Amino acid sequence: MQHEVIRSPKRRKTVQARLVNGVVQVSIPARMTKAEEDRWVAEMVGRFERRRTTEPIDLAARAEVLATRFGLPAPASIRWVDNQEWRWGSCTPDDRTIRISTRVATFPGWVLDYVLVHELAHLVVAGHGPDFWALVERYPRCERARGFLIAKGMDDAEEGPEAPTPRRPVPRPRLRPHEGEALQTTLW
């Protein structure tokens, strides 16, 4: 997508983007470095490209068809999200909401359907036990779709330094206690 950068001396911290006649206009603070500008332009253009990819897909209708076909409950709400770096989808059974990563919109339809069935199954069984997998495996391309997602996840992990890093590093035990306390031996 074409883009245009607008530097504003009034803008202090925020970055904003809008689509004007097919051009993404990215407004940034005037004091932002070229590297920061490049990062924000890539982020904002990516958001518009993902939105363009997801617009033709009616998630609610697709989820309703799959729920009916595989005997699963329909969600109260379902939507695309940009902020899932480590998951293809997520579900909150308490309020019956499902969120699907915009990255899935570029995958084949049968993979999107698997992700939807997987999240719909969480409306019945919260965990990933045998009962949960019995529901998910009703989907005929389950194994094939899981293989696709595993391979896609490996591709993403091999992208190098641009690949996301885990947000929560594994805590390490302290080797020496602080004054007046015992040595920490747990890892949580």
C-alpha atoms as a PDB file:
ATOM      1  CA  MET A   1       0.000   0.000   0.000  1.00  0.00           C
ATOM      2  CA  GLN A   2       1.125   3.524  -0.651  1.00  0.00           C
ATOM      3  CA  HIS A   3       1.775   5.661   2.380  1.00  0.00           C
ATOM      4  CA  GLU A   4       2.545   9.237   3.323  1.00  0.00           C
ATOM      5  CA  VAL A   5       4.212  10.395   6.552  1.00  0.00           C
ATOM      6  CA  ILE A   6       3.014  13.580   8.216  1.00  0.00           C
ATOM      7  CA  ARG A   7       5.339  14.939  10.935  1.00  0.00           C
ATOM      8  CA  SER A   8       3.608  17.182  13.441  1.00  0.00           C
ATOM      9  CA  PRO A   9       5.337  19.388  16.035  1.00  0.00           C
ATOM     10  CA  LYS A  10       2.097  19.393  18.081  1.00  0.00           C
ATOM     11  CA  ARG A  11       2.002  15.601  18.315  1.00  0.00           C
ATOM     12  CA  ARG A  12       4.043  14.422  21.305  1.00  0.00           C
ATOM     13  CA  LYS A  13       3.676  10.652  21.703  1.00  0.00           C
ATOM     14  CA  THR A  14       0.845   9.242  19.643  1.00  0.00           C
ATOM     15  CA  VAL A  15       0.879   7.853  16.137  1.00  0.00           C
ATOM     16  CA  GLN A  16      -2.259   7.891  14.020  1.00  0.00           C
ATOM     17  CA  ALA A  17      -3.072   6.539  10.585  1.00  0.00           C
ATOM     18  CA  ARG A  18      -5.987   6.942   8.226  1.00  0.00           C
ATOM     19  CA  LEU A  19      -6.778   5.886   4.691  1.00  0.00           C
ATOM     20  CA  VAL A  20      -7.316   8.788   2.261  1.00  0.00           C
ATOM     21  CA  ASN A  21      -7.956   7.967  -1.410  1.00  0.00           C
ATOM     22  CA  GLY A  22      -6.100   4.654  -1.128  1.00  0.00           C
ATOM     23  CA  VAL A  23      -3.065   6.198   0.609  1.00  0.00           C
ATOM     24  CA  VAL A  24      -2.273   5.471   4.260  1.00  0.00           C
ATOM     25  CA  GLN A  25      -1.483   8.777   5.952  1.00  0.00           C
ATOM     26  CA  VAL A  26       0.635   8.171   9.057  1.00  0.00           C
ATOM     27  CA  SER A  27       0.829  11.113  11.482  1.00  0.00           C
ATOM     28  CA  ILE A  28       3.844  10.991  13.822  1.00  0.00           C
ATOM     29  CA  PRO A  29       5.607  13.353  16.259  1.00  0.00           C
ATOM     30  CA  ALA A  30       8.123  15.618  14.492  1.00  0.00           C
ATOM     31  CA  ARG A  31      10.973  14.547  16.790  1.00  0.00           C
ATOM     32  CA  MET A  32      10.626  10.841  15.999  1.00  0.00           C
ATOM     33  CA  THR A  33      13.764   9.187  14.552  1.00  0.00           C
ATOM     34  CA  LYS A  34      13.855   7.664  11.068  1.00  0.00           C
ATOM     35  CA  ALA A  35      14.042   4.162  12.582  1.00  0.00           C
ATOM     36  CA  GLU A  36      10.961   4.828  14.740  1.00  0.00           C
ATOM     37  CA  GLU A  37       9.189   6.280  11.720  1.00  0.00           C
ATOM     38  CA  ASP A  38       9.961   3.175   9.640  1.00  0.00           C
ATOM     39  CA  ARG A  39       8.717   0.884  12.414  1.00  0.00           C
ATOM     40  CA  TRP A  40       5.457   2.821  12.857  1.00  0.00           C
ATOM     41  CA  VAL A  41       4.809   3.128   9.130  1.00  0.00           C
ATOM     42  CA  ALA A  42       5.249  -0.643   8.733  1.00  0.00           C
ATOM     43  CA  GLU A  43       2.925  -1.254  11.693  1.00  0.00           C
ATOM     44  CA  MET A  44       0.189   1.090  10.476  1.00  0.00           C
ATOM     45  CA  VAL A  45       0.329  -0.013   6.845  1.00  0.00           C
ATOM     46  CA  GLY A  46       0.213  -3.625   8.080  1.00  0.00           C
ATOM     47  CA  ARG A  47      -2.942  -2.874  10.067  1.00  0.00           C
ATOM     48  CA  PHE A  48      -4.686  -1.478   6.995  1.00  0.00           C
ATOM     49  CA  GLU A  49      -3.563  -4.445   4.887  1.00  0.00           C
ATOM     50  CA  ARG A  50      -4.868  -6.890   7.518  1.00  0.00           C
ATOM     51  CA  ARG A  51      -8.172  -5.021   7.681  1.00  0.00           C
ATOM     52  CA  ARG A  52      -8.474  -5.220   3.891  1.00  0.00           C
ATOM     53  CA  THR A  53      -7.809  -8.975   4.091  1.00  0.00           C
ATOM     54  CA  THR A  54     -10.375  -9.603   6.835  1.00  0.00           C
ATOM     55  CA  GLU A  55     -13.232  -7.420   5.531  1.00  0.00           C
ATOM     56  CA  PRO A  56     -14.630  -9.937   3.026  1.00  0.00           C
ATOM     57  CA  ILE A  57     -14.820 -12.693   5.671  1.00  0.00           C
ATOM     58  CA  ASP A  58     -18.004 -12.711   7.749  1.00  0.00           C
ATOM     59  CA  LEU A  59     -16.731 -14.436  10.900  1.00  0.00           C
ATOM     60  CA  ALA A  60     -20.106 -14.454  12.632  1.00  0.00           C
ATOM     61  CA  ALA A  61     -21.865 -16.175   9.741  1.00  0.00           C
ATOM     62  CA  ARG A  62     -19.035 -18.656   9.281  1.00  0.00           C
ATOM     63  CA  ALA A  63     -18.983 -19.483  13.018  1.00  0.00           C
ATOM     64  CA  GLU A  64     -22.759 -19.953  13.049  1.00  0.00           C
ATOM     65  CA  VAL A  65     -22.618 -22.422  10.145  1.00  0.00           C
ATOM     66  CA  LEU A  66     -19.778 -24.373  11.774  1.00  0.00           C
ATOM     67  CA  ALA A  67     -21.497 -24.391  15.188  1.00  0.00           C
ATOM     68  CA  THR A  68     -24.652 -25.821  13.635  1.00  0.00           C
ATOM     69  CA  ARG A  69     -22.772 -28.357  11.509  1.00  0.00           C
ATOM     70  CA  PHE A  70     -20.675 -29.705  14.400  1.00  0.00           C
ATOM     71  CA  GLY A  71     -23.219 -29.403  17.228  1.00  0.00           C
ATOM     72  CA  LEU A  72     -21.428 -26.601  19.072  1.00  0.00           C
ATOM     73  CA  PRO A  73     -22.856 -23.438  20.648  1.00  0.00           C
ATOM     74  CA  ALA A  74     -22.622 -20.177  18.760  1.00  0.00           C
ATOM     75  CA  PRO A  75     -20.564 -17.382  20.336  1.00  0.00           C
ATOM     76  CA  ALA A  76     -22.160 -14.258  21.761  1.00  0.00           C
ATOM     77  CA  SER A  77     -19.577 -12.253  19.822  1.00  0.00           C
ATOM     78  CA  ILE A  78     -16.703 -12.970  17.486  1.00  0.00           C
ATOM     79  CA  ARG A  79     -14.171 -10.577  15.973  1.00  0.00           C
ATOM     80  CA  TRP A  80     -10.781 -10.186  14.328  1.00  0.00           C
ATOM     81  CA  VAL A  81      -7.899  -8.907  16.488  1.00  0.00           C
ATOM     82  CA  ASP A  82      -4.416  -7.632  15.629  1.00  0.00           C
ATOM     83  CA  ASN A  83      -2.765  -8.142  18.995  1.00  0.00           C
ATOM     84  CA  GLN A  84      -2.405 -11.930  19.149  1.00  0.00           C
ATOM     85  CA  GLU A  85       1.227 -12.705  18.411  1.00  0.00           C
ATOM     86  CA  TRP A  86       1.334 -16.186  19.927  1.00  0.00           C
ATOM     87  CA  ARG A  87      -2.189 -17.509  19.344  1.00  0.00           C
ATOM     88  CA  TRP A  88      -4.352 -18.110  16.304  1.00  0.00           C
ATOM     89  CA  GLY A  89      -7.484 -17.482  18.339  1.00  0.00           C
ATOM     90  CA  SER A  90      -8.785 -17.164  21.857  1.00  0.00           C
ATOM     91  CA  CYS A  91     -12.050 -17.709  23.680  1.00  0.00           C
ATOM     92  CA  THR A  92     -13.569 -16.459  26.920  1.00  0.00           C
ATOM     93  CA  PRO A  93     -16.176 -19.091  27.841  1.00  0.00           C
ATOM     94  CA  ASP A  94     -17.711 -16.966  30.634  1.00  0.00           C
ATOM     95  CA  ASP A  95     -19.027 -14.326  28.255  1.00  0.00           C
ATOM     96  CA  ARG A  96     -18.874 -16.541  25.111  1.00  0.00           C
ATOM     97  CA  THR A  97     -16.585 -14.218  23.141  1.00  0.00           C
ATOM     98  CA  ILE A  98     -14.117 -15.404  20.517  1.00  0.00           C
ATOM     99  CA  ARG A  99     -11.225 -13.467  19.007  1.00  0.00           C
ATOM    100  CA  ILE A 100      -9.406 -14.617  15.869  1.00  0.00           C
ATOM    101  CA  SER A 101      -5.972 -13.331  14.882  1.00  0.00           C
ATOM    102  CA  THR A 102      -5.983 -11.355  11.639  1.00  0.00           C
ATOM    103  CA  ARG A 103      -3.015 -13.507  10.552  1.00  0.00           C
ATOM    104  CA  VAL A 104      -5.456 -16.393  10.015  1.00  0.00           C
ATOM    105  CA  ALA A 105      -7.362 -14.419   7.358  1.00  0.00           C
ATOM    106  CA  THR A 106      -4.594 -15.131   4.831  1.00  0.00           C
ATOM    107  CA  PHE A 107      -4.668 -18.895   5.465  1.00  0.00           C
ATOM    108  CA  PRO A 108      -6.803 -21.348   3.457  1.00  0.00           C
ATOM    109  CA  GLY A 109     -10.493 -21.395   4.424  1.00  0.00           C
ATOM    110  CA  TRP A 110     -10.307 -24.920   5.861  1.00  0.00           C
ATOM    111  CA  VAL A 111      -7.620 -23.719   8.314  1.00  0.00           C
ATOM    112  CA  LEU A 112      -9.760 -20.761   9.400  1.00  0.00           C
ATOM    113  CA  ASP A 113     -12.661 -23.182   9.870  1.00  0.00           C
ATOM    114  CA  TYR A 114     -10.496 -25.403  12.091  1.00  0.00           C
ATOM    115  CA  VAL A 115      -9.484 -22.418  14.253  1.00  0.00           C
ATOM    116  CA  LEU A 116     -13.158 -21.453  14.561  1.00  0.00           C
ATOM    117  CA  VAL A 117     -14.200 -25.011  15.503  1.00  0.00           C
ATOM    118  CA  HIS A 118     -11.346 -25.117  18.034  1.00  0.00           C
ATOM    119  CA  GLU A 119     -12.543 -21.893  19.691  1.00  0.00           C
ATOM    120  CA  LEU A 120     -16.226 -22.920  19.494  1.00  0.00           C
ATOM    121  CA  ALA A 121     -15.324 -26.141  21.309  1.00  0.00           C
ATOM    122  CA  HIS A 122     -13.941 -24.009  24.150  1.00  0.00           C
ATOM    123  CA  LEU A 123     -17.476 -22.728  24.710  1.00  0.00           C
ATOM    124  CA  VAL A 124     -18.286 -26.280  25.836  1.00  0.00           C
ATOM    125  CA  VAL A 125     -14.976 -27.394  27.402  1.00  0.00           C
ATOM    126  CA  ALA A 126     -12.561 -24.742  28.673  1.00  0.00           C
ATOM    127  CA  GLY A 127      -9.382 -26.861  28.732  1.00  0.00           C
ATOM    128  CA  HIS A 128      -7.612 -29.095  26.213  1.00  0.00           C
ATOM    129  CA  GLY A 129      -8.546 -32.480  27.669  1.00  0.00           C
ATOM    130  CA  PRO A 130      -9.942 -35.561  25.898  1.00  0.00           C
ATOM    131  CA  ASP A 131     -13.525 -34.206  25.912  1.00  0.00           C
ATOM    132  CA  PHE A 132     -12.345 -31.026  24.201  1.00  0.00           C
ATOM    133  CA  TRP A 133     -10.403 -32.881  21.493  1.00  0.00           C
ATOM    134  CA  ALA A 134     -13.371 -35.196  20.871  1.00  0.00           C
ATOM    135  CA  LEU A 135     -15.397 -32.093  19.951  1.00  0.00           C
ATOM    136  CA  VAL A 136     -12.664 -30.550  17.786  1.00  0.00           C
ATOM    137  CA  GLU A 137     -11.966 -33.794  15.947  1.00  0.00           C
ATOM    138  CA  ARG A 138     -15.505 -33.738  14.549  1.00  0.00           C
ATOM    139  CA  TYR A 139     -14.009 -31.347  12.007  1.00  0.00           C
ATOM    140  CA  PRO A 140     -12.857 -33.615   9.152  1.00  0.00           C
ATOM    141  CA  ARG A 141      -9.679 -31.668   8.302  1.00  0.00           C
ATOM    142  CA  CYS A 142      -8.602 -31.309  11.927  1.00  0.00           C
ATOM    143  CA  GLU A 143      -5.285 -33.139  11.642  1.00  0.00           C
ATOM    144  CA  ARG A 144      -4.361 -31.474   8.361  1.00  0.00           C
ATOM    145  CA  ALA A 145      -5.180 -27.988   9.702  1.00  0.00           C
ATOM    146  CA  ARG A 146      -3.191 -28.586  12.897  1.00  0.00           C
ATOM    147  CA  GLY A 147      -0.222 -29.619  10.763  1.00  0.00           C
ATOM    148  CA  PHE A 148      -0.573 -26.454   8.683  1.00  0.00           C
ATOM    149  CA  LEU A 149      -0.637 -24.271  11.822  1.00  0.00           C
ATOM    150  CA  ILE A 150       2.333 -26.069  13.354  1.00  0.00           C
ATOM    151  CA  ALA A 151       4.343 -25.533  10.173  1.00  0.00           C
ATOM    152  CA  LYS A 152       3.217 -21.908   9.944  1.00  0.00           C
ATOM    153  CA  GLY A 153       4.240 -21.360  13.557  1.00  0.00           C
ATOM    154  CA  MET A 154       7.686 -22.752  12.800  1.00  0.00           C
ATOM    155  CA  ASP A 155       7.994 -20.441   9.771  1.00  0.00           C
ATOM    156  CA  ASP A 156       7.134 -17.466  11.987  1.00  0.00           C
ATOM    157  CA  ALA A 157       9.680 -18.528  14.616  1.00  0.00           C
ATOM    158  CA  GLU A 158      12.444 -18.768  12.006  1.00  0.00           C
ATOM    159  CA  GLU A 159      12.000 -15.211  10.739  1.00  0.00           C
ATOM    160  CA  GLY A 160      14.998 -14.085  12.771  1.00  0.00           C
ATOM    161  CA  PRO A 161      15.403 -11.010  14.923  1.00  0.00           C
ATOM    162  CA  GLU A 162      12.096  -9.560  13.716  1.00  0.00           C
ATOM    163  CA  ALA A 163      10.219 -12.509  15.236  1.00  0.00           C
ATOM    164  CA  PRO A 164       8.366 -11.667  18.459  1.00  0.00           C
ATOM    165  CA  THR A 165       9.958 -12.611  21.754  1.00  0.00           C
ATOM    166  CA  PRO A 166       7.988 -14.049  24.658  1.00  0.00           C
ATOM    167  CA  ARG A 167       6.512 -11.328  26.847  1.00  0.00           C
ATOM    168  CA  ARG A 168       6.934 -13.214  30.106  1.00  0.00           C
ATOM    169  CA  PRO A 169      10.397 -14.699  30.504  1.00  0.00           C
ATOM    170  CA  VAL A 170      10.740 -17.727  32.735  1.00  0.00           C
ATOM    171  CA  PRO A 171      11.726 -16.447  36.178  1.00  0.00           C
ATOM    172  CA  ARG A 172      15.089 -17.594  37.486  1.00  0.00           C
ATOM    173  CA  PRO A 173      15.692 -18.390  41.151  1.00  0.00           C
ATOM    174  CA  ARG A 174      17.977 -15.992  42.991  1.00  0.00           C
ATOM    175  CA  LEU A 175      21.254 -17.642  43.845  1.00  0.00           C
ATOM    176  CA  ARG A 176      21.844 -15.507  46.927  1.00  0.00           C
ATOM    177  CA  PRO A 177      19.093 -14.405  49.298  1.00  0.00           C
ATOM    178  CA  HIS A 178      18.561 -10.770  50.162  1.00  0.00           C
ATOM    179  CA  GLU A 179      19.492  -9.852  53.699  1.00  0.00           C
ATOM    180  CA  GLY A 180      17.103 -11.450  56.185  1.00  0.00           C
ATOM    181  CA  GLU A 181      15.321 -13.827  53.770  1.00  0.00           C
ATOM    182  CA  ALA A 182      15.607 -17.472  52.771  1.00  0.00           C
ATOM    183  CA  LEU A 183      16.927 -18.664  49.394  1.00  0.00           C
ATOM    184  CA  GLN A 184      14.167 -18.724  46.755  1.00  0.00           C
ATOM    185  CA  THR A 185      13.699 -22.241  45.416  1.00  0.00           C
ATOM    186  CA  THR A 186      10.466 -21.943  43.427  1.00  0.00           C
ATOM    187  CA  LEU A 187      10.142 -20.727  39.856  1.00  0.00           C
ATOM    188  CA  TRP A 188       6.838 -18.879  39.998  1.00  0.00           C
END
